[in-house]
Amino acid sequence: MLDVSLLAAAHEAAAPLIAPPIVIALTFAVFFLFLGYVVWSYRDVANRSVRKASKLAHHDTAIDEYGHPKNH
């Protein structure tokens, strides 16, 4: 019967990693934090766009909750 550790060692020899595992883990952690920052930076976009649209729109036109002018 084939030993699992021998099989794992044989696989590692056939396909070595491009970097040590800690470097790969840190790279993905930094990338994950970057994506979290991107999501966090858009946290209040909907509210800001409604405020901006209401300031730019004419006062005779009502604006719905999505920032679009209401049709009568």
Protein backbone atom coordinates (compact mmCIF):
# COMPACT_ATOMS: atom_id res chain seq x y z
CA MET A 1 0.00 0.00 0.00
CA LEU A 2 1.24 3.47 -0.90
CA ASP A 3 2.00 5.83 1.95
CA VAL A 4 0.15 9.18 1.79
CA SER A 5 3.25 11.16 2.78
CA LEU A 6 5.21 9.61 -0.08
CA LEU A 7 2.43 10.51 -2.47
CA ALA A 8 2.38 14.11 -1.21
CA ALA A 9 6.17 14.37 -1.48
CA ALA A 10 6.08 13.00 -5.01
CA HIS A 11 3.41 15.51 -6.00
CA GLU A 12 5.43 18.40 -4.49
CA ALA A 13 8.48 17.37 -6.46
CA ALA A 14 6.47 17.26 -9.69
CA ALA A 15 4.75 20.64 -9.16
CA PRO A 16 6.70 22.95 -6.83
CA LEU A 17 5.12 26.14 -5.54
CA ILE A 18 6.19 29.48 -7.01
CA ALA A 19 6.71 30.94 -3.51
CA PRO A 20 6.71 29.74 0.09
CA PRO A 21 3.22 29.16 1.48
CA ILE A 22 3.46 32.13 3.88
CA VAL A 23 4.19 34.50 0.96
CA ILE A 24 1.20 33.17 -0.97
CA ALA A 25 -1.02 33.56 2.10
CA LEU A 26 0.18 37.13 2.72
CA THR A 27 -0.36 38.03 -0.94
CA PHE A 28 -3.96 36.83 -0.83
CA ALA A 29 -4.51 38.57 2.52
CA VAL A 30 -3.30 41.89 1.11
CA PHE A 31 -5.47 41.43 -1.98
CA PHE A 32 -8.49 40.60 0.21
CA LEU A 33 -7.89 43.74 2.29
CA PHE A 34 -7.63 45.80 -0.90
CA LEU A 35 -10.99 44.47 -2.11
CA GLY A 36 -12.46 45.23 1.31
CA TYR A 37 -11.23 48.82 1.01
CA VAL A 38 -12.83 49.15 -2.43
CA VAL A 39 -16.17 47.92 -1.09
CA TRP A 40 -15.86 50.20 1.98
CA SER A 41 -15.16 53.23 -0.20
CA TYR A 42 -18.59 52.86 -1.87
CA ARG A 43 -20.48 52.66 1.45
CA ASP A 44 -22.57 55.82 1.04
CA VAL A 45 -22.79 56.29 -2.72
CA ALA A 46 -26.57 55.91 -2.97
CA ASN A 47 -27.29 58.56 -0.35
CA ARG A 48 -24.75 60.96 -1.82
CA SER A 49 -26.17 60.62 -5.32
CA VAL A 50 -29.70 61.44 -4.14
CA ARG A 51 -28.44 64.54 -2.34
CA LYS A 52 -26.42 65.60 -5.36
CA ALA A 53 -29.33 64.99 -7.73
CA SER A 54 -31.72 66.92 -5.52
CA LYS A 55 -29.35 69.91 -5.43
CA LEU A 56 -28.89 69.92 -9.21
CA ALA A 57 -32.53 69.30 -10.14
CA HIS A 58 -35.07 72.05 -10.67
CA HIS A 59 -37.28 72.69 -7.69
CA ASP A 60 -40.47 72.15 -9.67
CA THR A 61 -39.63 68.46 -10.27
CA ALA A 62 -39.95 65.93 -7.47
CA ILE A 63 -37.23 63.30 -7.06
CA ASP A 64 -37.92 59.73 -5.96
CA GLU A 65 -35.78 57.70 -3.55
CA TYR A 66 -33.53 56.56 -6.43
CA GLY A 67 -32.68 60.09 -7.56
CA HIS A 68 -34.86 60.01 -10.66
CA PRO A 69 -37.43 62.74 -11.41
CA LYS A 70 -40.97 61.64 -10.63
CA ASN A 71 -43.38 61.66 -13.55
CA HIS A 72 -46.82 63.07 -12.71
